[in-house]
Amino acid sequence: MILGFLSLSASVRRPIDEQIARAAVGYLTPSQRDLAEEAALKTRDTDLDGLTDYDESKVYRTSAYLKDSDSDGTDDRTEVMAGNDPNCPTGKQCVASSTSSTPSPASTPSTSSFRSDADLLAYLEGLPALEIRAALIQAGVPEETLTGLSDEDVRALFVKTVKESLAKGELSGLVEPTTE
């Protein structure tokens, strides 16, 4: 009698347990889904312009669906590699907006505006973390390295490196020579 009851109980439970097991195989928590989507963005290039969808949405703030976000005839990757703003047509003066992480040529000071190492340091310390990240990626720092760092850590590392470079005289070409 007891064995019959246990057998009946197992027969009733088996279909329910199988349904739960099938549903749980593909289940991801919200944070796991976010990580999976971010990983997919880092490898996908929807508009085939040479920039990953992650770089377009998180770094450069360009459209992942348009090869040429500013419609000036030059694709976004070419503009980024040339140091131009992919959100501002070449030859135009654009107002820097909170959606653009790449400084427009009008917002970037010329080398003649740095009268001293302190001026250069003050300018570089004032850059938004998003611009620092974009510059470091463009300079060849692996994106995976930056992903694991907070904005404060990226800024601190950047400022430390700039100070060391200033001390060694490696950035002297960016400062006006003194006329004394």
C-alpha atoms as a PDB file:
ATOM      1  CA  MET A   1       0.000   0.000   0.000  1.00  0.00           C
ATOM      2  CA  ILE A   2       2.773   2.444   0.918  1.00  0.00           C
ATOM      3  CA  LEU A   3       4.714   1.594  -2.245  1.00  0.00           C
ATOM      4  CA  GLY A   4       1.594   2.095  -4.334  1.00  0.00           C
ATOM      5  CA  PHE A   5       1.031   5.524  -2.762  1.00  0.00           C
ATOM      6  CA  LEU A   6       4.668   6.562  -3.415  1.00  0.00           C
ATOM      7  CA  SER A   7       4.424   5.327  -7.000  1.00  0.00           C
ATOM      8  CA  LEU A   8       1.207   7.285  -7.557  1.00  0.00           C
ATOM      9  CA  SER A   9       2.766  10.404  -6.010  1.00  0.00           C
ATOM     10  CA  ALA A  10       5.835  10.124  -8.265  1.00  0.00           C
ATOM     11  CA  SER A  11       3.633   9.620 -11.347  1.00  0.00           C
ATOM     12  CA  VAL A  12       1.667  12.767 -10.562  1.00  0.00           C
ATOM     13  CA  ARG A  13       4.780  14.844  -9.851  1.00  0.00           C
ATOM     14  CA  ARG A  14       6.899  13.665 -12.829  1.00  0.00           C
ATOM     15  CA  PRO A  15       5.199  15.769 -15.584  1.00  0.00           C
ATOM     16  CA  ILE A  16       5.355  18.869 -13.393  1.00  0.00           C
ATOM     17  CA  ASP A  17       9.035  18.321 -12.578  1.00  0.00           C
ATOM     18  CA  GLU A  18       9.824  17.791 -16.276  1.00  0.00           C
ATOM     19  CA  GLN A  19       8.104  21.072 -17.216  1.00  0.00           C
ATOM     20  CA  ILE A  20      10.030  22.977 -14.553  1.00  0.00           C
ATOM     21  CA  ALA A  21      13.327  21.409 -15.673  1.00  0.00           C
ATOM     22  CA  ARG A  22      12.719  22.314 -19.347  1.00  0.00           C
ATOM     23  CA  ALA A  23      11.821  25.904 -18.471  1.00  0.00           C
ATOM     24  CA  ALA A  24      14.798  26.351 -16.135  1.00  0.00           C
ATOM     25  CA  VAL A  25      17.439  25.360 -18.718  1.00  0.00           C
ATOM     26  CA  GLY A  26      17.207  28.653 -20.599  1.00  0.00           C
ATOM     27  CA  TYR A  27      16.423  30.833 -17.600  1.00  0.00           C
ATOM     28  CA  LEU A  28      18.677  33.803 -16.944  1.00  0.00           C
ATOM     29  CA  THR A  29      18.431  36.308 -14.145  1.00  0.00           C
ATOM     30  CA  PRO A  30      18.028  39.937 -15.226  1.00  0.00           C
ATOM     31  CA  SER A  31      21.714  40.651 -14.504  1.00  0.00           C
ATOM     32  CA  GLN A  32      22.747  37.558 -16.504  1.00  0.00           C
ATOM     33  CA  ARG A  33      20.583  38.741 -19.417  1.00  0.00           C
ATOM     34  CA  ASP A  34      22.208  42.190 -19.235  1.00  0.00           C
ATOM     35  CA  LEU A  35      25.691  40.659 -19.299  1.00  0.00           C
ATOM     36  CA  ALA A  36      24.759  38.402 -22.213  1.00  0.00           C
ATOM     37  CA  GLU A  37      23.358  41.361 -24.169  1.00  0.00           C
ATOM     38  CA  GLU A  38      26.450  43.456 -23.437  1.00  0.00           C
ATOM     39  CA  ALA A  39      28.684  40.604 -24.617  1.00  0.00           C
ATOM     40  CA  ALA A  40      26.622  40.345 -27.808  1.00  0.00           C
ATOM     41  CA  LEU A  41      26.905  44.123 -28.379  1.00  0.00           C
ATOM     42  CA  LYS A  42      30.688  43.865 -28.125  1.00  0.00           C
ATOM     43  CA  THR A  43      30.821  41.452 -31.061  1.00  0.00           C
ATOM     44  CA  ARG A  44      27.922  42.669 -33.236  1.00  0.00           C
ATOM     45  CA  ASP A  45      28.280  45.375 -35.896  1.00  0.00           C
ATOM     46  CA  THR A  46      24.732  45.923 -37.157  1.00  0.00           C
ATOM     47  CA  ASP A  47      25.540  48.699 -39.660  1.00  0.00           C
ATOM     48  CA  LEU A  48      28.842  47.109 -40.799  1.00  0.00           C
ATOM     49  CA  ASP A  49      30.837  50.324 -40.324  1.00  0.00           C
ATOM     50  CA  GLY A  50      33.698  48.709 -38.394  1.00  0.00           C
ATOM     51  CA  LEU A  51      32.590  49.820 -34.913  1.00  0.00           C
ATOM     52  CA  THR A  52      30.873  47.345 -32.632  1.00  0.00           C
ATOM     53  CA  ASP A  53      27.356  48.141 -31.489  1.00  0.00           C
ATOM     54  CA  TYR A  54      28.754  48.460 -27.938  1.00  0.00           C
ATOM     55  CA  ASP A  55      31.282  51.118 -29.016  1.00  0.00           C
ATOM     56  CA  GLU A  56      28.601  52.958 -30.967  1.00  0.00           C
ATOM     57  CA  SER A  57      26.084  53.024 -28.126  1.00  0.00           C
ATOM     58  CA  LYS A  58      28.343  53.291 -25.060  1.00  0.00           C
ATOM     59  CA  VAL A  59      31.530  55.010 -26.236  1.00  0.00           C
ATOM     60  CA  TYR A  60      30.907  57.202 -29.279  1.00  0.00           C
ATOM     61  CA  ARG A  61      27.114  57.671 -28.924  1.00  0.00           C
ATOM     62  CA  THR A  62      26.550  57.067 -32.631  1.00  0.00           C
ATOM     63  CA  SER A  63      23.826  55.050 -34.309  1.00  0.00           C
ATOM     64  CA  ALA A  64      24.426  51.308 -34.464  1.00  0.00           C
ATOM     65  CA  TYR A  65      21.983  51.221 -37.396  1.00  0.00           C
ATOM     66  CA  LEU A  66      23.530  53.938 -39.606  1.00  0.00           C
ATOM     67  CA  LYS A  67      26.957  53.462 -41.161  1.00  0.00           C
ATOM     68  CA  ASP A  68      27.390  57.259 -41.262  1.00  0.00           C
ATOM     69  CA  SER A  69      25.621  58.723 -38.210  1.00  0.00           C
ATOM     70  CA  ASP A  70      26.104  62.361 -39.230  1.00  0.00           C
ATOM     71  CA  SER A  71      25.392  61.756 -42.954  1.00  0.00           C
ATOM     72  CA  ASP A  72      28.513  63.567 -44.166  1.00  0.00           C
ATOM     73  CA  GLY A  73      29.639  60.779 -46.499  1.00  0.00           C
ATOM     74  CA  THR A  74      32.315  59.344 -44.198  1.00  0.00           C
ATOM     75  CA  ASP A  75      31.524  56.229 -42.148  1.00  0.00           C
ATOM     76  CA  ASP A  76      31.721  56.408 -38.350  1.00  0.00           C
ATOM     77  CA  ARG A  77      34.848  54.254 -37.975  1.00  0.00           C
ATOM     78  CA  THR A  78      36.834  56.342 -40.446  1.00  0.00           C
ATOM     79  CA  GLU A  79      35.836  59.509 -38.592  1.00  0.00           C
ATOM     80  CA  VAL A  80      36.760  58.038 -35.209  1.00  0.00           C
ATOM     81  CA  MET A  81      40.145  56.839 -36.478  1.00  0.00           C
ATOM     82  CA  ALA A  82      40.806  60.268 -37.988  1.00  0.00           C
ATOM     83  CA  GLY A  83      39.995  61.939 -34.671  1.00  0.00           C
ATOM     84  CA  ASN A  84      36.833  63.576 -36.024  1.00  0.00           C
ATOM     85  CA  ASP A  85      33.433  63.641 -34.331  1.00  0.00           C
ATOM     86  CA  PRO A  86      31.246  60.980 -35.971  1.00  0.00           C
ATOM     87  CA  ASN A  87      28.196  62.928 -34.769  1.00  0.00           C
ATOM     88  CA  CYS A  88      29.179  66.203 -36.447  1.00  0.00           C
ATOM     89  CA  PRO A  89      29.522  66.537 -40.239  1.00  0.00           C
ATOM     90  CA  THR A  90      33.017  67.444 -41.410  1.00  0.00           C
ATOM     91  CA  GLY A  91      33.340  71.177 -41.909  1.00  0.00           C
ATOM     92  CA  LYS A  92      30.453  72.023 -39.582  1.00  0.00           C
ATOM     93  CA  GLN A  93      30.770  73.474 -36.118  1.00  0.00           C
ATOM     94  CA  CYS A  94      28.563  71.452 -33.789  1.00  0.00           C
ATOM     95  CA  VAL A  95      27.528  72.258 -30.280  1.00  0.00           C
ATOM     96  CA  ALA A  96      28.810  69.596 -27.915  1.00  0.00           C
ATOM     97  CA  SER A  97      25.861  67.714 -26.491  1.00  0.00           C
ATOM     98  CA  SER A  98      25.494  65.259 -23.661  1.00  0.00           C
ATOM     99  CA  THR A  99      24.842  62.520 -26.217  1.00  0.00           C
ATOM    100  CA  SER A 100      28.189  62.945 -27.944  1.00  0.00           C
ATOM    101  CA  SER A 101      31.201  61.435 -26.219  1.00  0.00           C
ATOM    102  CA  THR A 102      33.634  62.531 -28.905  1.00  0.00           C
ATOM    103  CA  PRO A 103      34.664  66.166 -28.611  1.00  0.00           C
ATOM    104  CA  SER A 104      33.895  68.264 -31.651  1.00  0.00           C
ATOM    105  CA  PRO A 105      36.836  70.088 -33.208  1.00  0.00           C
ATOM    106  CA  ALA A 106      35.412  73.351 -31.870  1.00  0.00           C
ATOM    107  CA  SER A 107      35.420  72.090 -28.281  1.00  0.00           C
ATOM    108  CA  THR A 108      38.982  70.760 -28.357  1.00  0.00           C
ATOM    109  CA  PRO A 109      41.569  73.421 -27.591  1.00  0.00           C
ATOM    110  CA  SER A 110      44.411  73.948 -29.989  1.00  0.00           C
ATOM    111  CA  THR A 111      47.919  73.283 -28.737  1.00  0.00           C
ATOM    112  CA  SER A 112      48.533  77.012 -28.485  1.00  0.00           C
ATOM    113  CA  SER A 113      45.945  77.324 -25.691  1.00  0.00           C
ATOM    114  CA  PHE A 114      48.142  75.384 -23.255  1.00  0.00           C
ATOM    115  CA  ARG A 115      50.529  77.923 -21.827  1.00  0.00           C
ATOM    116  CA  SER A 116      51.927  75.583 -19.187  1.00  0.00           C
ATOM    117  CA  ASP A 117      51.960  71.993 -18.028  1.00  0.00           C
ATOM    118  CA  ALA A 118      49.410  73.026 -15.390  1.00  0.00           C
ATOM    119  CA  ASP A 119      47.006  74.268 -18.105  1.00  0.00           C
ATOM    120  CA  LEU A 120      47.356  70.992 -19.992  1.00  0.00           C
ATOM    121  CA  LEU A 121      46.881  68.956 -16.811  1.00  0.00           C
ATOM    122  CA  ALA A 122      43.810  70.991 -15.827  1.00  0.00           C
ATOM    123  CA  TYR A 123      42.255  70.404 -19.259  1.00  0.00           C
ATOM    124  CA  LEU A 124      42.950  66.671 -19.247  1.00  0.00           C
ATOM    125  CA  GLU A 125      41.728  66.260 -15.638  1.00  0.00           C
ATOM    126  CA  GLY A 126      38.457  67.922 -16.689  1.00  0.00           C
ATOM    127  CA  LEU A 127      37.669  65.433 -19.462  1.00  0.00           C
ATOM    128  CA  PRO A 128      34.549  63.331 -18.855  1.00  0.00           C
ATOM    129  CA  ALA A 129      35.259  59.688 -18.004  1.00  0.00           C
ATOM    130  CA  LEU A 130      33.459  58.601 -21.185  1.00  0.00           C
ATOM    131  CA  GLU A 131      35.908  60.630 -23.315  1.00  0.00           C
ATOM    132  CA  ILE A 132      38.871  59.236 -21.386  1.00  0.00           C
ATOM    133  CA  ARG A 133      37.608  55.693 -22.003  1.00  0.00           C
ATOM    134  CA  ALA A 134      37.091  56.425 -25.722  1.00  0.00           C
ATOM    135  CA  ALA A 135      40.583  57.923 -26.029  1.00  0.00           C
ATOM    136  CA  LEU A 136      42.161  54.962 -24.258  1.00  0.00           C
ATOM    137  CA  ILE A 137      40.335  52.477 -26.486  1.00  0.00           C
ATOM    138  CA  GLN A 138      41.394  54.449 -29.555  1.00  0.00           C
ATOM    139  CA  ALA A 139      44.976  54.405 -28.227  1.00  0.00           C
ATOM    140  CA  GLY A 140      44.885  50.617 -28.065  1.00  0.00           C
ATOM    141  CA  VAL A 141      43.994  49.814 -24.459  1.00  0.00           C
ATOM    142  CA  PRO A 142      41.958  46.588 -24.520  1.00  0.00           C
ATOM    143  CA  GLU A 143      38.294  47.285 -23.898  1.00  0.00           C
ATOM    144  CA  GLU A 144      38.122  44.327 -21.492  1.00  0.00           C
ATOM    145  CA  THR A 145      40.674  46.065 -19.275  1.00  0.00           C
ATOM    146  CA  LEU A 146      38.550  49.207 -19.064  1.00  0.00           C
ATOM    147  CA  THR A 147      35.274  47.362 -18.603  1.00  0.00           C
ATOM    148  CA  GLY A 148      36.462  46.055 -15.243  1.00  0.00           C
ATOM    149  CA  LEU A 149      37.353  49.540 -13.963  1.00  0.00           C
ATOM    150  CA  SER A 150      35.055  52.161 -12.492  1.00  0.00           C
ATOM    151  CA  ASP A 151      35.018  55.687 -13.940  1.00  0.00           C
ATOM    152  CA  GLU A 152      36.931  56.918 -10.883  1.00  0.00           C
ATOM    153  CA  ASP A 153      39.627  54.258 -11.353  1.00  0.00           C
ATOM    154  CA  VAL A 154      39.960  55.060 -15.071  1.00  0.00           C
ATOM    155  CA  ARG A 155      40.251  58.783 -14.302  1.00  0.00           C
ATOM    156  CA  ALA A 156      42.815  58.209 -11.508  1.00  0.00           C
ATOM    157  CA  LEU A 157      44.946  55.961 -13.727  1.00  0.00           C
ATOM    158  CA  PHE A 158      44.718  58.446 -16.614  1.00  0.00           C
ATOM    159  CA  VAL A 159      45.681  61.451 -14.444  1.00  0.00           C
ATOM    160  CA  LYS A 160      48.568  59.516 -12.885  1.00  0.00           C
ATOM    161  CA  THR A 161      49.865  58.581 -16.347  1.00  0.00           C
ATOM    162  CA  VAL A 162      49.523  62.166 -17.596  1.00  0.00           C
ATOM    163  CA  LYS A 163      51.435  63.484 -14.553  1.00  0.00           C
ATOM    164  CA  GLU A 164      54.216  60.943 -15.120  1.00  0.00           C
ATOM    165  CA  SER A 165      54.382  61.891 -18.815  1.00  0.00           C
ATOM    166  CA  LEU A 166      54.534  65.592 -17.923  1.00  0.00           C
ATOM    167  CA  ALA A 167      57.365  64.923 -15.442  1.00  0.00           C
ATOM    168  CA  LYS A 168      59.336  63.086 -18.146  1.00  0.00           C
ATOM    169  CA  GLY A 169      58.689  65.888 -20.672  1.00  0.00           C
ATOM    170  CA  GLU A 170      56.803  63.558 -23.027  1.00  0.00           C
ATOM    171  CA  LEU A 171      53.968  66.053 -23.521  1.00  0.00           C
ATOM    172  CA  SER A 172      56.110  69.152 -23.987  1.00  0.00           C
ATOM    173  CA  GLY A 173      54.979  69.454 -27.628  1.00  0.00           C
ATOM    174  CA  LEU A 174      51.479  70.297 -26.422  1.00  0.00           C
ATOM    175  CA  VAL A 175      52.603  73.311 -24.387  1.00  0.00           C
ATOM    176  CA  GLU A 176      53.630  76.641 -25.906  1.00  0.00           C
ATOM    177  CA  PRO A 177      57.327  77.271 -25.619  1.00  0.00           C
ATOM    178  CA  THR A 178      58.110  80.112 -23.245  1.00  0.00           C
ATOM    179  CA  THR A 179      59.498  83.274 -24.854  1.00  0.00           C
ATOM    180  CA  GLU A 180      61.745  84.435 -22.054  1.00  0.00           C
END
